[in-house]
């Protein structure tokens, strides 16, 4: 079964729609981050990690995580050992310029 291909003008319309939606998402994300930052700032000002706000419990807690320090690993064990334990991964990237 052959897949029906879109005409060039249809593709252009799709790309333009996508660009508009991505701009809206970026704007909404920036606005959400600003609100998130103002809530965090208020929690810091109140010196609290948790606030009970009626039906919401807001937490801003410290977390400890461990990450692999590849730079330090290369310094200690060398580039060859680092390369021996890395692998190439094949993927596809979608972009519009």
C-alpha atoms as a PDB file:
ATOM      1  CA  UNK A   1       0.000   0.000   0.000  1.00  0.00           C
ATOM      2  CA  UNK A   2       1.490   3.316  -1.089  1.00  0.00           C
ATOM      3  CA  UNK A   3       1.485   6.216   1.377  1.00  0.00           C
ATOM      4  CA  UNK A   4      -0.053   9.406   0.013  1.00  0.00           C
ATOM      5  CA  UNK A   5       2.508  12.213  -0.076  1.00  0.00           C
ATOM      6  CA  UNK A   6       1.738  15.818   0.856  1.00  0.00           C
ATOM      7  CA  UNK A   7       2.157  18.603  -1.655  1.00  0.00           C
ATOM      8  CA  UNK A   8       4.888  21.162  -1.004  1.00  0.00           C
ATOM      9  CA  UNK A   9       2.392  23.889  -0.099  1.00  0.00           C
ATOM     10  CA  UNK A  10       0.766  21.521   2.430  1.00  0.00           C
ATOM     11  CA  UNK A  11       4.165  20.887   3.998  1.00  0.00           C
ATOM     12  CA  UNK A  12       4.864  24.625   4.172  1.00  0.00           C
ATOM     13  CA  UNK A  13       1.531  25.164   5.947  1.00  0.00           C
ATOM     14  CA  UNK A  14       2.357  22.356   8.409  1.00  0.00           C
ATOM     15  CA  UNK A  15       5.794  23.844   9.120  1.00  0.00           C
ATOM     16  CA  UNK A  16       4.273  27.287   9.701  1.00  0.00           C
ATOM     17  CA  UNK A  17       1.655  25.793  12.061  1.00  0.00           C
ATOM     18  CA  UNK A  18       4.406  23.949  13.902  1.00  0.00           C
ATOM     19  CA  UNK A  19       6.502  27.113  14.250  1.00  0.00           C
ATOM     20  CA  UNK A  20       3.499  29.039  15.625  1.00  0.00           C
ATOM     21  CA  UNK A  21       2.729  26.297  18.154  1.00  0.00           C
ATOM     22  CA  UNK A  22       6.364  26.067  19.214  1.00  0.00           C
ATOM     23  CA  UNK A  23       6.407  29.854  19.773  1.00  0.00           C
ATOM     24  CA  UNK A  24       3.267  29.579  21.928  1.00  0.00           C
ATOM     25  CA  UNK A  25       4.805  26.725  23.901  1.00  0.00           C
ATOM     26  CA  UNK A  26       8.001  28.722  24.432  1.00  0.00           C
ATOM     27  CA  UNK A  27       6.012  31.739  25.622  1.00  0.00           C
ATOM     28  CA  UNK A  28       3.860  29.629  27.964  1.00  0.00           C
ATOM     29  CA  UNK A  29       6.939  27.835  29.305  1.00  0.00           C
ATOM     30  CA  UNK A  30       8.649  31.164  30.030  1.00  0.00           C
ATOM     31  CA  UNK A  31       5.532  32.408  31.828  1.00  0.00           C
ATOM     32  CA  UNK A  32       5.242  29.170  33.842  1.00  0.00           C
ATOM     33  CA  UNK A  33       8.928  29.379  34.791  1.00  0.00           C
ATOM     34  CA  UNK A  34       8.482  32.979  35.963  1.00  0.00           C
ATOM     35  CA  UNK A  35       5.547  31.946  38.164  1.00  0.00           C
ATOM     36  CA  UNK A  36       7.518  28.937  39.459  1.00  0.00           C
ATOM     37  CA  UNK A  37      10.471  31.226  40.282  1.00  0.00           C
ATOM     38  CA  UNK A  38       8.238  33.676  42.172  1.00  0.00           C
ATOM     39  CA  UNK A  39       6.803  30.831  44.276  1.00  0.00           C
ATOM     40  CA  UNK A  40      10.323  29.548  45.001  1.00  0.00           C
ATOM     41  CA  UNK A  41      11.460  33.064  45.954  1.00  0.00           C
ATOM     42  CA  UNK A  42       8.528  33.372  48.366  1.00  0.00           C
ATOM     43  CA  UNK A  43       9.367  30.014  49.940  1.00  0.00           C
ATOM     44  CA  UNK A  44      12.988  31.089  50.369  1.00  0.00           C
ATOM     45  CA  UNK A  45      11.841  34.385  51.898  1.00  0.00           C
ATOM     46  CA  UNK A  46       9.629  32.437  54.324  1.00  0.00           C
ATOM     47  CA  UNK A  47      12.504  30.012  54.998  1.00  0.00           C
ATOM     48  CA  UNK A  48      10.351  26.969  54.340  1.00  0.00           C
ATOM     49  CA  UNK A  49      10.605  23.859  52.184  1.00  0.00           C
ATOM     50  CA  UNK A  50       6.898  23.068  52.307  1.00  0.00           C
ATOM     51  CA  UNK A  51       3.699  25.104  52.222  1.00  0.00           C
ATOM     52  CA  UNK A  52       0.157  23.803  52.613  1.00  0.00           C
ATOM     53  CA  UNK A  53      -2.020  25.943  50.338  1.00  0.00           C
ATOM     54  CA  UNK A  54      -5.465  24.432  50.691  1.00  0.00           C
ATOM     55  CA  UNK A  55      -5.753  21.743  48.073  1.00  0.00           C
ATOM     56  CA  UNK A  56      -2.069  22.124  47.136  1.00  0.00           C
ATOM     57  CA  UNK A  57       1.069  21.215  49.009  1.00  0.00           C
ATOM     58  CA  UNK A  58       4.058  23.005  47.498  1.00  0.00           C
ATOM     59  CA  UNK A  59       7.551  21.685  48.191  1.00  0.00           C
ATOM     60  CA  UNK A  60      10.909  23.192  47.350  1.00  0.00           C
ATOM     61  CA  UNK A  61      13.398  20.800  48.883  1.00  0.00           C
ATOM     62  CA  UNK A  62      17.114  20.225  48.603  1.00  0.00           C
ATOM     63  CA  UNK A  63      18.087  17.020  46.809  1.00  0.00           C
ATOM     64  CA  UNK A  64      21.432  15.286  46.612  1.00  0.00           C
ATOM     65  CA  UNK A  65      22.278  13.409  43.434  1.00  0.00           C
ATOM     66  CA  UNK A  66      25.369  11.734  42.055  1.00  0.00           C
ATOM     67  CA  UNK A  67      26.634  12.283  38.544  1.00  0.00           C
ATOM     68  CA  UNK A  68      29.480  10.666  36.717  1.00  0.00           C
ATOM     69  CA  UNK A  69      32.361  13.126  36.269  1.00  0.00           C
ATOM     70  CA  UNK A  70      33.630  12.260  32.789  1.00  0.00           C
ATOM     71  CA  UNK A  71      36.201  15.057  32.794  1.00  0.00           C
ATOM     72  CA  UNK A  72      37.795  13.799  36.019  1.00  0.00           C
ATOM     73  CA  UNK A  73      37.591  10.194  34.781  1.00  0.00           C
ATOM     74  CA  UNK A  74      39.520  11.141  31.627  1.00  0.00           C
ATOM     75  CA  UNK A  75      42.131  12.978  33.721  1.00  0.00           C
ATOM     76  CA  UNK A  76      42.684   9.993  36.018  1.00  0.00           C
ATOM     77  CA  UNK A  77      42.344   7.055  33.603  1.00  0.00           C
ATOM     78  CA  UNK A  78      43.046   8.668  30.226  1.00  0.00           C
ATOM     79  CA  UNK A  79      41.135   9.191  27.041  1.00  0.00           C
ATOM     80  CA  UNK A  80      41.714   5.620  25.817  1.00  0.00           C
ATOM     81  CA  UNK A  81      39.997   4.009  28.811  1.00  0.00           C
ATOM     82  CA  UNK A  82      37.137   6.490  28.509  1.00  0.00           C
ATOM     83  CA  UNK A  83      36.701   5.658  24.808  1.00  0.00           C
ATOM     84  CA  UNK A  84      36.828   1.912  25.583  1.00  0.00           C
ATOM     85  CA  UNK A  85      33.653   2.300  27.681  1.00  0.00           C
ATOM     86  CA  UNK A  86      31.691   4.621  25.438  1.00  0.00           C
ATOM     87  CA  UNK A  87      29.618   3.584  22.459  1.00  0.00           C
ATOM     88  CA  UNK A  88      28.145   5.324  19.467  1.00  0.00           C
ATOM     89  CA  UNK A  89      24.371   5.539  19.400  1.00  0.00           C
ATOM     90  CA  UNK A  90      22.487   6.018  16.160  1.00  0.00           C
ATOM     91  CA  UNK A  91      19.511   8.365  16.325  1.00  0.00           C
ATOM     92  CA  UNK A  92      17.551  10.745  14.137  1.00  0.00           C
ATOM     93  CA  UNK A  93      17.231  14.486  14.703  1.00  0.00           C
ATOM     94  CA  UNK A  94      14.372  16.604  13.386  1.00  0.00           C
ATOM     95  CA  UNK A  95      15.008  20.312  12.832  1.00  0.00           C
ATOM     96  CA  UNK A  96      13.608  23.207  10.863  1.00  0.00           C
ATOM     97  CA  UNK A  97      15.855  26.078   9.866  1.00  0.00           C
END
